[in-house]
Each structure stands twice: as C-alpha cells, then as structure tokens.
C-alpha atoms as a PDB file:
ATOM      1  CA  UNK A   1      -9.021   6.352   4.845  1.00  0.00           C
ATOM      2  CA  UNK A   2      -5.498   5.419   3.754  1.00  0.00           C
ATOM      3  CA  UNK A   3      -3.637   4.743   7.016  1.00  0.00           C
ATOM      4  CA  UNK A   4      -0.313   4.165   5.267  1.00  0.00           C
ATOM      5  CA  UNK A   5      -0.542   7.510   3.528  1.00  0.00           C
ATOM      6  CA  UNK A   6      -1.436   9.353   6.743  1.00  0.00           C
ATOM      7  CA  UNK A   7       1.498   7.795   8.604  1.00  0.00           C
ATOM      8  CA  UNK A   8       3.961   8.239   5.726  1.00  0.00           C
ATOM      9  CA  UNK A   9       3.165  11.922   5.346  1.00  0.00           C
ATOM     10  CA  UNK A  10       3.616  12.397   9.098  1.00  0.00           C
ATOM     11  CA  UNK A  11       7.021  10.679   8.938  1.00  0.00           C
ATOM     12  CA  UNK A  12       8.137  13.016   6.160  1.00  0.00           C
ATOM     13  CA  UNK A  13       7.799  15.896   8.643  1.00  0.00           C
ATOM     14  CA  UNK A  14      11.074  14.676  10.187  1.00  0.00           C
ATOM     15  CA  UNK A  15      12.936  15.471   6.941  1.00  0.00           C
ATOM     16  CA  UNK A  16      14.742  18.802   7.127  1.00  0.00           C
ATOM     17  CA  UNK A  17      16.325  20.989   4.487  1.00  0.00           C
ATOM     18  CA  UNK A  18      19.793  19.787   3.482  1.00  0.00           C
ATOM     19  CA  UNK A  19      19.324  16.220   4.724  1.00  0.00           C
ATOM     20  CA  UNK A  20      20.598  13.060   3.064  1.00  0.00           C
ATOM     21  CA  UNK A  21      17.638  10.677   2.959  1.00  0.00           C
ATOM     22  CA  UNK A  22      17.176   6.963   2.334  1.00  0.00           C
ATOM     23  CA  UNK A  23      14.023   5.961   0.468  1.00  0.00           C
ATOM     24  CA  UNK A  24      12.465   2.647   1.433  1.00  0.00           C
ATOM     25  CA  UNK A  25      10.553   0.163  -0.674  1.00  0.00           C
ATOM     26  CA  UNK A  26       6.931  -0.954  -0.669  1.00  0.00           C
ATOM     27  CA  UNK A  27       3.408   0.382  -0.426  1.00  0.00           C
ATOM     28  CA  UNK A  28       4.081   2.588   2.606  1.00  0.00           C
ATOM     29  CA  UNK A  29       7.358   4.030   1.337  1.00  0.00           C
ATOM     30  CA  UNK A  30       5.488   4.860  -1.871  1.00  0.00           C
ATOM     31  CA  UNK A  31       3.494   7.571  -0.085  1.00  0.00           C
ATOM     32  CA  UNK A  32       6.581   8.990   1.615  1.00  0.00           C
ATOM     33  CA  UNK A  33       8.352   9.336  -1.738  1.00  0.00           C
ATOM     34  CA  UNK A  34       5.299  11.008  -3.280  1.00  0.00           C
ATOM     35  CA  UNK A  35       5.124  13.513  -0.403  1.00  0.00           C
ATOM     36  CA  UNK A  36       8.853  14.234  -0.608  1.00  0.00           C
ATOM     37  CA  UNK A  37       8.386  14.948  -4.301  1.00  0.00           C
ATOM     38  CA  UNK A  38       5.733  17.548  -3.451  1.00  0.00           C
ATOM     39  CA  UNK A  39       8.015  19.187  -0.898  1.00  0.00           C
ATOM     40  CA  UNK A  40      10.959  19.243  -3.308  1.00  0.00           C
ATOM     41  CA  UNK A  41       8.782  21.098  -5.814  1.00  0.00           C
ATOM     42  CA  UNK A  42       8.004  23.590  -3.034  1.00  0.00           C
ATOM     43  CA  UNK A  43      11.710  24.183  -2.365  1.00  0.00           C
ATOM     44  CA  UNK A  44      12.895  21.426   0.002  1.00  0.00           C
ATOM     45  CA  UNK A  45      16.561  20.651  -0.723  1.00  0.00           C
ATOM     46  CA  UNK A  46      17.576  17.034  -0.072  1.00  0.00           C
ATOM     47  CA  UNK A  47      19.814  14.341  -1.522  1.00  0.00           C
ATOM     48  CA  UNK A  48      18.409  10.819  -1.639  1.00  0.00           C
ATOM     49  CA  UNK A  49      19.284   7.202  -2.323  1.00  0.00           C
ATOM     50  CA  UNK A  50      16.782   4.421  -3.041  1.00  0.00           C
ATOM     51  CA  UNK A  51      16.642   0.861  -1.692  1.00  0.00           C
ATOM     52  CA  UNK A  52      15.207  -0.681  -4.869  1.00  0.00           C
ATOM     53  CA  UNK A  53      14.889  -0.102  -8.593  1.00  0.00           C
ATOM     54  CA  UNK A  54      11.151   0.487  -8.090  1.00  0.00           C
ATOM     55  CA  UNK A  55      11.730   3.229  -5.494  1.00  0.00           C
ATOM     56  CA  UNK A  56      14.454   4.745  -7.658  1.00  0.00           C
ATOM     57  CA  UNK A  57      12.027   4.966 -10.593  1.00  0.00           C
ATOM     58  CA  UNK A  58       9.284   6.452  -8.403  1.00  0.00           C
ATOM     59  CA  UNK A  59      11.662   9.055  -6.972  1.00  0.00           C
ATOM     60  CA  UNK A  60      12.750  10.089 -10.456  1.00  0.00           C
ATOM     61  CA  UNK A  61       9.116  10.412 -11.551  1.00  0.00           C
ATOM     62  CA  UNK A  62       8.388  12.727  -8.611  1.00  0.00           C
ATOM     63  CA  UNK A  63      11.512  14.844  -8.960  1.00  0.00           C
ATOM     64  CA  UNK A  64      13.284  13.630  -5.809  1.00  0.00           C
ATOM     65  CA  UNK A  65      17.028  14.166  -6.464  1.00  0.00           C
ATOM     66  CA  UNK A  66      18.997  10.905  -6.335  1.00  0.00           C
ATOM     67  CA  UNK A  67      22.765  10.760  -6.004  1.00  0.00           C
ATOM     68  CA  UNK A  68      25.197   7.819  -6.232  1.00  0.00           C
ATOM     69  CA  UNK A  69      26.031   5.938  -3.035  1.00  0.00           C
ATOM     70  CA  UNK A  70      29.726   6.570  -3.702  1.00  0.00           C
ATOM     71  CA  UNK A  71      29.184  10.294  -3.162  1.00  0.00           C
ATOM     72  CA  UNK A  72      27.760   9.828   0.342  1.00  0.00           C
ATOM     73  CA  UNK A  73      29.367   8.671   3.577  1.00  0.00           C
ATOM     74  CA  UNK A  74      26.042   8.037   5.287  1.00  0.00           C
ATOM     75  CA  UNK A  75      22.474   9.273   5.682  1.00  0.00           C
ATOM     76  CA  UNK A  76      20.665  11.515   8.135  1.00  0.00           C
ATOM     77  CA  UNK A  77      17.545   9.379   8.073  1.00  0.00           C
ATOM     78  CA  UNK A  78      15.739   6.671   6.160  1.00  0.00           C
ATOM     79  CA  UNK A  79      11.968   6.314   5.891  1.00  0.00           C
ATOM     80  CA  UNK A  80      10.754   2.779   5.280  1.00  0.00           C
ATOM     81  CA  UNK A  81       7.865   0.453   5.995  1.00  0.00           C
ATOM     82  CA  UNK A  82       7.685  -2.822   7.908  1.00  0.00           C
ATOM     83  CA  UNK A  83       5.666  -5.973   7.478  1.00  0.00           C
ATOM     84  CA  UNK A  84       5.517  -6.470  11.238  1.00  0.00           C
ATOM     85  CA  UNK A  85       6.886  -4.654  14.284  1.00  0.00           C
ATOM     86  CA  UNK A  86       6.659  -5.124  18.029  1.00  0.00           C
ATOM     87  CA  UNK A  87       6.639  -2.575  20.834  1.00  0.00           C
ATOM     88  CA  UNK A  88      10.454  -2.781  21.151  1.00  0.00           C
ATOM     89  CA  UNK A  89      10.646  -1.736  17.473  1.00  0.00           C
ATOM     90  CA  UNK A  90      11.992  -5.077  16.348  1.00  0.00           C
ATOM     91  CA  UNK A  91      10.939  -5.526  12.735  1.00  0.00           C
ATOM     92  CA  UNK A  92      10.200  -8.066  10.052  1.00  0.00           C
ATOM     93  CA  UNK A  93      10.884  -6.578   6.621  1.00  0.00           C
ATOM     94  CA  UNK A  94      11.285  -7.936   3.121  1.00  0.00           C
ATOM     95  CA  UNK A  95       7.739  -8.403   1.889  1.00  0.00           C
ATOM     96  CA  UNK A  96       8.648  -6.133  -1.013  1.00  0.00           C
ATOM     97  CA  UNK A  97      11.750  -8.179  -1.805  1.00  0.00           C
ATOM     98  CA  UNK A  98      14.363  -5.521  -1.000  1.00  0.00           C
ATOM     99  CA  UNK A  99      15.442  -6.545   2.512  1.00  0.00           C
ATOM    100  CA  UNK A 100      19.181  -6.678   1.821  1.00  0.00           C
ATOM    101  CA  UNK A 101      19.339  -3.220   0.254  1.00  0.00           C
ATOM    102  CA  UNK A 102      17.010  -1.866   2.927  1.00  0.00           C
ATOM    103  CA  UNK A 103      19.249  -3.219   5.675  1.00  0.00           C
ATOM    104  CA  UNK A 104      22.403  -1.769   4.134  1.00  0.00           C
ATOM    105  CA  UNK A 105      20.787   1.659   3.852  1.00  0.00           C
ATOM    106  CA  UNK A 106      19.315   1.450   7.369  1.00  0.00           C
ATOM    107  CA  UNK A 107      22.685   0.502   8.861  1.00  0.00           C
ATOM    108  CA  UNK A 108      24.279   3.624   7.400  1.00  0.00           C
ATOM    109  CA  UNK A 109      21.477   5.955   8.574  1.00  0.00           C
ATOM    110  CA  UNK A 110      21.560   8.003  11.770  1.00  0.00           C
ATOM    111  CA  UNK A 111      17.821   7.391  12.084  1.00  0.00           C
ATOM    112  CA  UNK A 112      15.520   4.715  10.679  1.00  0.00           C
ATOM    113  CA  UNK A 113      11.905   5.878  10.791  1.00  0.00           C
ATOM    114  CA  UNK A 114       9.393   3.104  10.234  1.00  0.00           C
ATOM    115  CA  UNK A 115       5.947   3.844   8.858  1.00  0.00           C
ATOM    116  CA  UNK A 116       3.094   1.376   9.325  1.00  0.00           C
ATOM    117  CA  UNK A 117      -0.618   1.066   9.884  1.00  0.00           C
ATOM    118  CA  UNK A 118      -1.963  -0.299  13.168  1.00  0.00           C
ATOM    119  CA  UNK A 119      -2.376  -3.843  11.791  1.00  0.00           C
ATOM    120  CA  UNK A 120       1.423  -4.235  11.585  1.00  0.00           C
ATOM    121  CA  UNK A 121       2.001  -3.621  15.307  1.00  0.00           C
ATOM    122  CA  UNK A 122       2.058  -6.947  17.203  1.00  0.00           C
ATOM    123  CA  UNK A 123       2.976  -8.262  20.637  1.00  0.00           C
ATOM    124  CA  UNK A 124       5.177 -11.050  19.230  1.00  0.00           C
ATOM    125  CA  UNK A 125       6.798 -11.297  15.798  1.00  0.00           C
ATOM    126  CA  UNK A 126       6.213 -14.277  13.545  1.00  0.00           C
ATOM    127  CA  UNK A 127       2.717 -14.198  12.093  1.00  0.00           C
ATOM    128  CA  UNK A 128       4.135 -12.579   8.962  1.00  0.00           C
ATOM    129  CA  UNK A 129       6.468 -15.064   7.197  1.00  0.00           C
ATOM    130  CA  UNK A 130      10.108 -14.075   7.658  1.00  0.00           C
ATOM    131  CA  UNK A 131      11.766 -13.333   4.284  1.00  0.00           C
ATOM    132  CA  UNK A 132      15.249 -14.818   3.889  1.00  0.00           C
ATOM    133  CA  UNK A 133      17.367 -13.931   0.854  1.00  0.00           C
ATOM    134  CA  UNK A 134      19.339 -16.925  -0.421  1.00  0.00           C
ATOM    135  CA  UNK A 135      21.714 -17.609  -3.299  1.00  0.00           C
ATOM    136  CA  UNK A 136      20.670 -20.033  -6.010  1.00  0.00           C
ATOM    137  CA  UNK A 137      23.689 -22.336  -5.581  1.00  0.00           C
ATOM    138  CA  UNK A 138      22.683 -25.466  -3.646  1.00  0.00           C
ATOM    139  CA  UNK A 139      19.489 -23.742  -2.595  1.00  0.00           C
ATOM    140  CA  UNK A 140      17.907 -27.113  -1.796  1.00  0.00           C
ATOM    141  CA  UNK A 141      20.463 -27.554   0.999  1.00  0.00           C
ATOM    142  CA  UNK A 142      19.794 -24.025   2.258  1.00  0.00           C
ATOM    143  CA  UNK A 143      16.067 -24.792   2.329  1.00  0.00           C
ATOM    144  CA  UNK A 144      16.785 -27.976   4.326  1.00  0.00           C
ATOM    145  CA  UNK A 145      18.816 -25.931   6.820  1.00  0.00           C
ATOM    146  CA  UNK A 146      15.890 -23.523   7.189  1.00  0.00           C
ATOM    147  CA  UNK A 147      13.473 -26.390   7.860  1.00  0.00           C
ATOM    148  CA  UNK A 148      15.799 -27.527  10.649  1.00  0.00           C
ATOM    149  CA  UNK A 149      14.953 -24.251  12.420  1.00  0.00           C
ATOM    150  CA  UNK A 150      11.353 -25.502  12.785  1.00  0.00           C
ATOM    151  CA  UNK A 151       9.753 -23.338  10.133  1.00  0.00           C
ATOM    152  CA  UNK A 152       8.066 -23.932   6.793  1.00  0.00           C
ATOM    153  CA  UNK A 153      10.133 -22.161   4.120  1.00  0.00           C
ATOM    154  CA  UNK A 154       8.576 -21.504   0.716  1.00  0.00           C
ATOM    155  CA  UNK A 155      10.427 -20.067  -2.249  1.00  0.00           C
ATOM    156  CA  UNK A 156       8.698 -16.858  -3.317  1.00  0.00           C
ATOM    157  CA  UNK A 157       7.270 -16.855  -6.835  1.00  0.00           C
ATOM    158  CA  UNK A 158       6.459 -14.086  -9.288  1.00  0.00           C
ATOM    159  CA  UNK A 159       3.488 -15.529 -11.167  1.00  0.00           C
ATOM    160  CA  UNK A 160       4.840 -18.874 -12.422  1.00  0.00           C
ATOM    161  CA  UNK A 161       8.552 -18.091 -12.024  1.00  0.00           C
ATOM    162  CA  UNK A 162      10.739 -17.859  -8.952  1.00  0.00           C
ATOM    163  CA  UNK A 163      10.950 -14.308  -7.635  1.00  0.00           C
ATOM    164  CA  UNK A 164      14.407 -12.807  -8.182  1.00  0.00           C
ATOM    165  CA  UNK A 165      15.635  -9.884  -6.073  1.00  0.00           C
ATOM    166  CA  UNK A 166      17.377  -6.817  -7.490  1.00  0.00           C
ATOM    167  CA  UNK A 167      20.579  -8.578  -6.363  1.00  0.00           C
ATOM    168  CA  UNK A 168      19.856 -11.708  -8.427  1.00  0.00           C
ATOM    169  CA  UNK A 169      18.961 -13.912  -5.454  1.00  0.00           C
ATOM    170  CA  UNK A 170      15.879 -15.856  -4.332  1.00  0.00           C
ATOM    171  CA  UNK A 171      13.681 -15.292  -1.275  1.00  0.00           C
ATOM    172  CA  UNK A 172      12.487 -18.035   1.036  1.00  0.00           C
ATOM    173  CA  UNK A 173       9.453 -16.927   3.043  1.00  0.00           C
ATOM    174  CA  UNK A 174       9.742 -18.769   6.358  1.00  0.00           C
ATOM    175  CA  UNK A 175       6.562 -19.474   8.317  1.00  0.00           C
ATOM    176  CA  UNK A 176       7.445 -19.548  12.024  1.00  0.00           C
ATOM    177  CA  UNK A 177       4.045 -18.464  13.433  1.00  0.00           C
ATOM    178  CA  UNK A 178       5.791 -17.249  16.626  1.00  0.00           C
ATOM    179  CA  UNK A 179       9.360 -15.927  16.958  1.00  0.00           C
ATOM    180  CA  UNK A 180      10.012 -16.126  20.686  1.00  0.00           C
ATOM    181  CA  UNK A 181      13.701 -15.137  20.551  1.00  0.00           C
ATOM    182  CA  UNK A 182      14.390 -12.921  17.543  1.00  0.00           C
ATOM    183  CA  UNK A 183      18.030 -12.290  18.453  1.00  0.00           C
ATOM    184  CA  UNK A 184      18.844 -15.998  18.694  1.00  0.00           C
ATOM    185  CA  UNK A 185      16.995 -16.745  15.461  1.00  0.00           C
ATOM    186  CA  UNK A 186      18.948 -14.017  13.675  1.00  0.00           C
ATOM    187  CA  UNK A 187      22.215 -15.498  14.960  1.00  0.00           C
ATOM    188  CA  UNK A 188      21.305 -18.989  13.758  1.00  0.00           C
ATOM    189  CA  UNK A 189      20.110 -17.815  10.358  1.00  0.00           C
ATOM    190  CA  UNK A 190      23.270 -15.845   9.672  1.00  0.00           C
ATOM    191  CA  UNK A 191      25.331 -18.932  10.525  1.00  0.00           C
ATOM    192  CA  UNK A 192      23.918 -20.788   7.508  1.00  0.00           C
ATOM    193  CA  UNK A 193      26.059 -20.501   4.358  1.00  0.00           C
ATOM    194  CA  UNK A 194      23.857 -19.655   1.395  1.00  0.00           C
ATOM    195  CA  UNK A 195      21.827 -17.082   3.305  1.00  0.00           C
ATOM    196  CA  UNK A 196      22.725 -13.576   2.161  1.00  0.00           C
ATOM    197  CA  UNK A 197      20.575 -11.832   4.765  1.00  0.00           C
ATOM    198  CA  UNK A 198      17.226 -12.134   6.492  1.00  0.00           C
ATOM    199  CA  UNK A 199      14.341  -9.823   7.297  1.00  0.00           C
ATOM    200  CA  UNK A 200      14.807  -9.375  11.052  1.00  0.00           C
ATOM    201  CA  UNK A 201      15.783  -5.751  11.696  1.00  0.00           C
ATOM    202  CA  UNK A 202      16.793  -5.674  15.360  1.00  0.00           C
ATOM    203  CA  UNK A 203      17.953  -2.555  17.186  1.00  0.00           C
ATOM    204  CA  UNK A 204      17.850  -0.510  13.978  1.00  0.00           C
ATOM    205  CA  UNK A 205      14.601   1.496  14.070  1.00  0.00           C
ATOM    206  CA  UNK A 206      14.736   4.845  15.892  1.00  0.00           C
ATOM    207  CA  UNK A 207      11.013   5.470  15.842  1.00  0.00           C
ATOM    208  CA  UNK A 208       7.822   4.166  14.278  1.00  0.00           C
ATOM    209  CA  UNK A 209       4.952   6.266  12.983  1.00  0.00           C
ATOM    210  CA  UNK A 210       1.726   4.276  13.271  1.00  0.00           C
ATOM    211  CA  UNK A 211      -1.500   5.220  11.498  1.00  0.00           C
ATOM    212  CA  UNK A 212      -4.766   4.248  13.203  1.00  0.00           C
ATOM    213  CA  UNK A 213      -8.252   3.714  11.802  1.00  0.00           C
ATOM    214  CA  UNK A 214      -9.469   6.572  14.007  1.00  0.00           C
ATOM    215  CA  UNK A 215      -7.385   8.880  11.819  1.00  0.00           C
ATOM    216  CA  UNK A 216      -4.764   9.717  14.435  1.00  0.00           C
ATOM    217  CA  UNK A 217      -1.078   8.892  14.269  1.00  0.00           C
ATOM    218  CA  UNK A 218       1.110   7.910  17.198  1.00  0.00           C
ATOM    219  CA  UNK A 219       4.896   7.739  17.365  1.00  0.00           C
ATOM    220  CA  UNK A 220       6.784   4.976  19.159  1.00  0.00           C
ATOM    221  CA  UNK A 221      10.386   5.635  20.212  1.00  0.00           C
ATOM    222  CA  UNK A 222      13.030   2.994  20.798  1.00  0.00           C
END
C-alpha cells in the first residue's frame, strides 16, 4: 500500500476548477502531480507553477498546464510534502533540495496543503536533519556558525560531488536531534549571513493530509 499516493490523491480533491495551483517537489508531490494530470485530461481547468525543475518536467509530461510566475499575482493553493511535521503543523522541508522555491510558492498561496504518510508526523521536530540552503562564498564560516547552534551540519552530496540546488547554492543538513523552540531557531538561522533560507516552515501550512498504514486518511487543520 502506497501511503503517499493515497494521501496525495486525497489532497488533490481540494483542487477546484479554475484554481491557480502550486506544485511541490519530492516523492509525495509526485503522486499529486500525476493525479492532477489525470483530472486535467478529464476536463479540470487549472493553471499551475512548479517549485523545481523536476516537478516542472513531470507536470509537462502529464499535461498539467504551467504558466510563468510573472503572469500570476498569487495562488489559490499549493500541494507539497514534508519531511517532518508536528501536530501544530510546523514543518521541516527541503529533503528534495527545493526548500527556497517551495517557501516562496507557499508564502504566496492562500492555502498550503501538506501531504505525508504517518511516519512523518512527530511530537517534536528535529529527528530529520534540518536542510539549510547556503551560498558557496565563505561557506566554511557559515558552517562554523551553524555548529555554534549546537548541531552537526553536513554538506549534502550528490554521489561524489556537492549537491547544488536549482538556485546554484549548497545545502547543509543540520542534525539537531530535537528542536525544542523552532521559532527561536528560525530567528537565529536567518540572522546568519550566508544562509539563503532554511527548511523550517512555521505558520504556513493550512492543513495536512496524512496517510495511515490502515488505509485511511486523516486531515489535520491548523
């Protein structure tokens, strides 16, 4: 049983004819894009933007109509996944490497609907390493500043090379184990020059659609 697929297809039920939709990135968003493609073939009329080159390519393959960001002033909803979420719908995102684009799209959406399987729902954030997007200039100093926050940052690799985001930056995956005060951590991270953005999405998700091994789906509201 594919829990991500079950939850993603349930989330797509919130998409209505004529909506402007943001398409997330990653293994869960994959199923949402595939389902939207089916519905478009059946007559659903939407306009969409993608949060990564990979999602853009997938949308094109499935016939989901993409339009330039410049032709939109915002979105009705965005469907995306999360690497971790708590019961207050605070999120860790960025495992797919698109956190900055995902956050921009989420910010300009009336609703952010998160899709996840039950393993992603936790009592306290932090088990999943927090992705932090950093610029290459003086990155050693940025890594030192991250270590000062009592975490173990590791530069993400793509096989033997450093992983490079669609924006041309690097990602430091920061192992905190427990994030007791997500809001304070976000504030401190964004005070470090060299950090472009980080994977804490706080106060952004409207609802989360969670797939369970029993086959049922439940919806959490913020």
